[in-house]
Amino acid sequence: MSYVTCPNCGVTLSAAVTMEPPTICPDCCARLHRDTAFAPLPPVAPAPASSLDRVILSGADAPGEARREFRSFAAHLGDDVTTTGSLLISEVVTNAVKHGPAGDATTIGLHCAIAGSRLQVEIADDGGGFLPRERYEGQDPGSGWGLHIVETLSRTWGVDDGRPTRVWFELAL
């Protein structure tokens, strides 16, 4: 529905959405102006979500799926957060696939939340837990870097031992 108001006599007329509103006042023949006070408000884009919760089927595709879900959630947070978060999520989800329980119905939980000036990320699997170990001299240089990268690039991080195993980290926004 659109509305027009006569600047001369003040009469307000309406027209169906499919019709053009009148351009001449039927009472005084003055030129009519579209009344913006009655115009529908422009659509407002929804606010970005402040959290993300996904359950991902464990397997070779899990790191890529987790990255895609995170990138979609974090697109408004800027390239640095999105790129760093994607890398860290990929590392932790890869560890969950590699070291977590095996099976056709095994899943990995991905939780992300914006908390003030921080992005909190948690990856959970149904594994039995573990204690993180420091890298040591002479360790295989081709593997075992995932948690070291998480420690280096995150603001803070940790492992909640037990079932489910949860690895979490925070990034500054």
C-alpha atoms as a PDB file:
ATOM      1  CA  MET A   1       0.000   0.000   0.000  1.00  0.00           C
ATOM      2  CA  SER A   2       1.365   3.434  -0.895  1.00  0.00           C
ATOM      3  CA  TYR A   3       0.113   6.775   0.352  1.00  0.00           C
ATOM      4  CA  VAL A   4       0.110  10.307  -1.064  1.00  0.00           C
ATOM      5  CA  THR A   5      -0.728  13.567   0.701  1.00  0.00           C
ATOM      6  CA  CYS A   6      -2.022  16.786  -0.832  1.00  0.00           C
ATOM      7  CA  PRO A   7       0.172  19.755   0.145  1.00  0.00           C
ATOM      8  CA  ASN A   8      -2.826  22.114  -0.392  1.00  0.00           C
ATOM      9  CA  CYS A   9      -5.729  20.572   1.494  1.00  0.00           C
ATOM     10  CA  GLY A  10      -3.926  17.836   3.499  1.00  0.00           C
ATOM     11  CA  VAL A  11      -6.038  14.913   2.228  1.00  0.00           C
ATOM     12  CA  THR A  12      -4.218  11.549   2.297  1.00  0.00           C
ATOM     13  CA  LEU A  13      -5.020   8.951  -0.346  1.00  0.00           C
ATOM     14  CA  SER A  14      -3.901   5.353  -0.633  1.00  0.00           C
ATOM     15  CA  ALA A  15      -3.331   3.030  -3.577  1.00  0.00           C
ATOM     16  CA  ALA A  16      -2.928  -0.720  -3.721  1.00  0.00           C
ATOM     17  CA  VAL A  17       0.611  -2.017  -4.158  1.00  0.00           C
ATOM     18  CA  THR A  18      -0.119  -3.040  -7.738  1.00  0.00           C
ATOM     19  CA  MET A  19      -1.423   0.418  -8.692  1.00  0.00           C
ATOM     20  CA  GLU A  20       0.363   3.718  -9.029  1.00  0.00           C
ATOM     21  CA  PRO A  21      -0.911   6.276  -6.509  1.00  0.00           C
ATOM     22  CA  PRO A  22      -2.837   9.271  -7.900  1.00  0.00           C
ATOM     23  CA  THR A  23      -0.778  12.306  -8.892  1.00  0.00           C
ATOM     24  CA  ILE A  24      -3.542  14.962  -8.710  1.00  0.00           C
ATOM     25  CA  CYS A  25      -5.731  15.660  -5.644  1.00  0.00           C
ATOM     26  CA  PRO A  26      -9.400  14.878  -6.451  1.00  0.00           C
ATOM     27  CA  ASP A  27     -10.525  17.698  -4.074  1.00  0.00           C
ATOM     28  CA  CYS A  28      -8.358  20.687  -5.094  1.00  0.00           C
ATOM     29  CA  CYS A  29      -6.382  19.510  -8.176  1.00  0.00           C
ATOM     30  CA  ALA A  30      -3.000  20.159  -6.515  1.00  0.00           C
ATOM     31  CA  ARG A  31      -0.033  17.965  -7.385  1.00  0.00           C
ATOM     32  CA  LEU A  32       0.251  15.108  -4.849  1.00  0.00           C
ATOM     33  CA  HIS A  33       3.483  14.013  -3.178  1.00  0.00           C
ATOM     34  CA  ARG A  34       4.328  10.542  -1.987  1.00  0.00           C
ATOM     35  CA  ASP A  35       3.986  10.458   1.809  1.00  0.00           C
ATOM     36  CA  THR A  36       7.170   8.987   3.239  1.00  0.00           C
ATOM     37  CA  ALA A  37       5.734   8.957   6.765  1.00  0.00           C
ATOM     38  CA  PHE A  38       3.451   6.085   5.716  1.00  0.00           C
ATOM     39  CA  ALA A  39       6.007   4.327   3.529  1.00  0.00           C
ATOM     40  CA  PRO A  40       7.090   0.896   4.668  1.00  0.00           C
ATOM     41  CA  LEU A  41      10.465   0.801   6.371  1.00  0.00           C
ATOM     42  CA  PRO A  42      13.300  -0.606   4.315  1.00  0.00           C
ATOM     43  CA  PRO A  43      14.220  -4.157   5.235  1.00  0.00           C
ATOM     44  CA  VAL A  44      16.786  -4.405   8.010  1.00  0.00           C
ATOM     45  CA  ALA A  45      19.543  -6.971   7.683  1.00  0.00           C
ATOM     46  CA  PRO A  46      19.512  -9.403  10.583  1.00  0.00           C
ATOM     47  CA  ALA A  47      22.284  -8.990  13.119  1.00  0.00           C
ATOM     48  CA  PRO A  48      25.081 -11.530  12.797  1.00  0.00           C
ATOM     49  CA  ALA A  49      24.706 -14.518  15.084  1.00  0.00           C
ATOM     50  CA  SER A  50      26.692 -14.342  18.313  1.00  0.00           C
ATOM     51  CA  SER A  51      27.180 -18.115  18.556  1.00  0.00           C
ATOM     52  CA  LEU A  52      27.454 -21.214  16.402  1.00  0.00           C
ATOM     53  CA  ASP A  53      26.766 -24.816  17.387  1.00  0.00           C
ATOM     54  CA  ARG A  54      27.306 -27.597  14.861  1.00  0.00           C
ATOM     55  CA  VAL A  55      27.670 -31.368  15.005  1.00  0.00           C
ATOM     56  CA  ILE A  56      29.965 -32.673  12.292  1.00  0.00           C
ATOM     57  CA  LEU A  57      30.374 -36.279  11.214  1.00  0.00           C
ATOM     58  CA  SER A  58      33.939 -37.376  11.947  1.00  0.00           C
ATOM     59  CA  GLY A  59      36.059 -38.363   8.974  1.00  0.00           C
ATOM     60  CA  ALA A  60      38.284 -36.966   6.253  1.00  0.00           C
ATOM     61  CA  ASP A  61      35.774 -34.232   5.359  1.00  0.00           C
ATOM     62  CA  ALA A  62      35.302 -32.979   8.940  1.00  0.00           C
ATOM     63  CA  PRO A  63      38.078 -30.324   8.982  1.00  0.00           C
ATOM     64  CA  GLY A  64      36.809 -28.772   5.728  1.00  0.00           C
ATOM     65  CA  GLU A  65      33.199 -28.791   6.891  1.00  0.00           C
ATOM     66  CA  ALA A  66      34.177 -27.209  10.226  1.00  0.00           C
ATOM     67  CA  ARG A  67      36.135 -24.490   8.388  1.00  0.00           C
ATOM     68  CA  ARG A  68      33.189 -23.723   6.083  1.00  0.00           C
ATOM     69  CA  GLU A  69      30.756 -23.482   9.008  1.00  0.00           C
ATOM     70  CA  PHE A  70      33.153 -21.235  10.923  1.00  0.00           C
ATOM     71  CA  ARG A  71      33.894 -18.962   7.959  1.00  0.00           C
ATOM     72  CA  SER A  72      30.175 -18.456   7.405  1.00  0.00           C
ATOM     73  CA  PHE A  73      29.692 -17.585  11.091  1.00  0.00           C
ATOM     74  CA  ALA A  74      32.778 -15.362  11.397  1.00  0.00           C
ATOM     75  CA  ALA A  75      32.655 -13.487   8.064  1.00  0.00           C
ATOM     76  CA  HIS A  76      31.801 -10.211   9.824  1.00  0.00           C
ATOM     77  CA  LEU A  77      34.706 -10.509  12.276  1.00  0.00           C
ATOM     78  CA  GLY A  78      37.436  -9.589   9.782  1.00  0.00           C
ATOM     79  CA  ASP A  79      40.049 -11.469   7.783  1.00  0.00           C
ATOM     80  CA  ASP A  80      42.565 -11.945  10.609  1.00  0.00           C
ATOM     81  CA  VAL A  81      40.079 -13.608  12.971  1.00  0.00           C
ATOM     82  CA  THR A  82      38.469 -15.643  10.192  1.00  0.00           C
ATOM     83  CA  THR A  83      41.806 -16.885   8.805  1.00  0.00           C
ATOM     84  CA  THR A  84      43.378 -17.642  12.186  1.00  0.00           C
ATOM     85  CA  GLY A  85      40.216 -19.236  13.538  1.00  0.00           C
ATOM     86  CA  SER A  86      39.861 -21.403  10.419  1.00  0.00           C
ATOM     87  CA  LEU A  87      43.440 -22.627  10.737  1.00  0.00           C
ATOM     88  CA  LEU A  88      43.119 -23.437  14.442  1.00  0.00           C
ATOM     89  CA  ILE A  89      39.745 -25.152  13.993  1.00  0.00           C
ATOM     90  CA  SER A  90      41.217 -27.213  11.163  1.00  0.00           C
ATOM     91  CA  GLU A  91      44.133 -28.308  13.368  1.00  0.00           C
ATOM     92  CA  VAL A  92      41.955 -29.270  16.335  1.00  0.00           C
ATOM     93  CA  VAL A  93      39.282 -31.030  14.252  1.00  0.00           C
ATOM     94  CA  THR A  94      42.025 -32.956  12.432  1.00  0.00           C
ATOM     95  CA  ASN A  95      43.309 -34.093  15.838  1.00  0.00           C
ATOM     96  CA  ALA A  96      39.780 -35.136  16.844  1.00  0.00           C
ATOM     97  CA  VAL A  97      39.460 -37.205  13.661  1.00  0.00           C
ATOM     98  CA  LYS A  98      42.942 -38.724  14.012  1.00  0.00           C
ATOM     99  CA  HIS A  99      42.986 -39.385  17.771  1.00  0.00           C
ATOM    100  CA  GLY A 100      39.276 -39.514  18.687  1.00  0.00           C
ATOM    101  CA  PRO A 101      37.069 -42.592  18.608  1.00  0.00           C
ATOM    102  CA  ALA A 102      36.590 -44.274  15.244  1.00  0.00           C
ATOM    103  CA  GLY A 103      33.250 -45.368  13.883  1.00  0.00           C
ATOM    104  CA  ASP A 104      30.582 -44.612  11.327  1.00  0.00           C
ATOM    105  CA  ALA A 105      28.431 -42.556  13.700  1.00  0.00           C
ATOM    106  CA  THR A 106      31.227 -40.656  15.477  1.00  0.00           C
ATOM    107  CA  THR A 107      30.668 -36.920  15.636  1.00  0.00           C
ATOM    108  CA  ILE A 108      32.621 -33.817  16.527  1.00  0.00           C
ATOM    109  CA  GLY A 109      31.011 -30.811  18.173  1.00  0.00           C
ATOM    110  CA  LEU A 110      31.941 -27.276  17.123  1.00  0.00           C
ATOM    111  CA  HIS A 111      30.899 -24.380  19.358  1.00  0.00           C
ATOM    112  CA  CYS A 112      31.860 -20.747  18.721  1.00  0.00           C
ATOM    113  CA  ALA A 113      30.694 -17.732  20.716  1.00  0.00           C
ATOM    114  CA  ILE A 114      31.443 -14.033  20.771  1.00  0.00           C
ATOM    115  CA  ALA A 115      31.987 -12.935  24.358  1.00  0.00           C
ATOM    116  CA  GLY A 116      32.772  -9.243  24.610  1.00  0.00           C
ATOM    117  CA  SER A 117      36.077  -8.672  22.831  1.00  0.00           C
ATOM    118  CA  ARG A 118      36.850 -12.390  22.501  1.00  0.00           C
ATOM    119  CA  LEU A 119      35.898 -15.224  20.201  1.00  0.00           C
ATOM    120  CA  GLN A 120      35.626 -18.491  22.104  1.00  0.00           C
ATOM    121  CA  VAL A 121      35.887 -21.757  20.154  1.00  0.00           C
ATOM    122  CA  GLU A 122      35.421 -25.285  21.480  1.00  0.00           C
ATOM    123  CA  ILE A 123      35.816 -28.579  19.645  1.00  0.00           C
ATOM    124  CA  ALA A 124      34.544 -31.703  21.392  1.00  0.00           C
ATOM    125  CA  ASP A 125      34.692 -35.395  20.580  1.00  0.00           C
ATOM    126  CA  ASP A 126      33.767 -38.526  22.481  1.00  0.00           C
ATOM    127  CA  GLY A 127      37.378 -39.548  23.048  1.00  0.00           C
ATOM    128  CA  GLY A 128      38.781 -40.464  26.423  1.00  0.00           C
ATOM    129  CA  GLY A 129      40.743 -37.248  26.861  1.00  0.00           C
ATOM    130  CA  PHE A 130      44.437 -36.492  26.879  1.00  0.00           C
ATOM    131  CA  LEU A 131      47.043 -34.279  28.486  1.00  0.00           C
ATOM    132  CA  PRO A 132      48.781 -31.938  26.045  1.00  0.00           C
ATOM    133  CA  ARG A 133      52.538 -32.407  25.756  1.00  0.00           C
ATOM    134  CA  GLU A 134      55.230 -29.901  24.861  1.00  0.00           C
ATOM    135  CA  ARG A 135      57.106 -30.402  21.631  1.00  0.00           C
ATOM    136  CA  TYR A 136      60.614 -31.694  22.281  1.00  0.00           C
ATOM    137  CA  GLU A 137      63.968 -31.708  20.509  1.00  0.00           C
ATOM    138  CA  GLY A 138      64.188 -34.491  17.949  1.00  0.00           C
ATOM    139  CA  GLN A 139      60.404 -34.979  17.675  1.00  0.00           C
ATOM    140  CA  ASP A 140      59.105 -35.911  14.222  1.00  0.00           C
ATOM    141  CA  PRO A 141      59.205 -32.540  12.412  1.00  0.00           C
ATOM    142  CA  GLY A 142      56.388 -33.589  10.072  1.00  0.00           C
ATOM    143  CA  SER A 143      53.657 -34.037  12.677  1.00  0.00           C
ATOM    144  CA  GLY A 144      52.533 -32.993  16.131  1.00  0.00           C
ATOM    145  CA  TRP A 145      52.394 -29.266  15.417  1.00  0.00           C
ATOM    146  CA  GLY A 146      48.625 -28.745  15.752  1.00  0.00           C
ATOM    147  CA  LEU A 147      48.376 -27.857  19.437  1.00  0.00           C
ATOM    148  CA  HIS A 148      51.662 -25.932  19.243  1.00  0.00           C
ATOM    149  CA  ILE A 149      50.084 -23.759  16.534  1.00  0.00           C
ATOM    150  CA  VAL A 150      46.956 -23.329  18.683  1.00  0.00           C
ATOM    151  CA  GLU A 151      49.116 -22.271  21.645  1.00  0.00           C
ATOM    152  CA  THR A 152      51.133 -19.840  19.513  1.00  0.00           C
ATOM    153  CA  LEU A 153      48.254 -18.116  17.697  1.00  0.00           C
ATOM    154  CA  SER A 154      45.484 -18.054  20.304  1.00  0.00           C
ATOM    155  CA  ARG A 155      45.025 -15.641  23.182  1.00  0.00           C
ATOM    156  CA  THR A 156      44.558 -18.577  25.548  1.00  0.00           C
ATOM    157  CA  TRP A 157      43.686 -22.242  25.127  1.00  0.00           C
ATOM    158  CA  GLY A 158      43.231 -25.472  27.028  1.00  0.00           C
ATOM    159  CA  VAL A 159      41.988 -29.029  27.158  1.00  0.00           C
ATOM    160  CA  ASP A 160      39.125 -30.190  29.360  1.00  0.00           C
ATOM    161  CA  ASP A 161      40.099 -33.784  30.017  1.00  0.00           C
ATOM    162  CA  GLY A 162      37.570 -36.603  30.186  1.00  0.00           C
ATOM    163  CA  ARG A 163      34.457 -37.421  28.189  1.00  0.00           C
ATOM    164  CA  PRO A 164      33.784 -35.610  26.022  1.00  0.00           C
ATOM    165  CA  THR A 165      37.267 -34.398  25.243  1.00  0.00           C
ATOM    166  CA  ARG A 166      37.110 -30.647  24.704  1.00  0.00           C
ATOM    167  CA  VAL A 167      39.852 -28.488  23.242  1.00  0.00           C
ATOM    168  CA  TRP A 168      39.126 -24.778  23.405  1.00  0.00           C
ATOM    169  CA  PHE A 169      40.827 -21.545  22.472  1.00  0.00           C
ATOM    170  CA  GLU A 170      40.116 -17.830  22.401  1.00  0.00           C
ATOM    171  CA  LEU A 171      41.015 -15.170  19.862  1.00  0.00           C
ATOM    172  CA  ALA A 172      40.962 -11.420  20.440  1.00  0.00           C
ATOM    173  CA  LEU A 173      38.450  -9.539  18.281  1.00  0.00           C
END
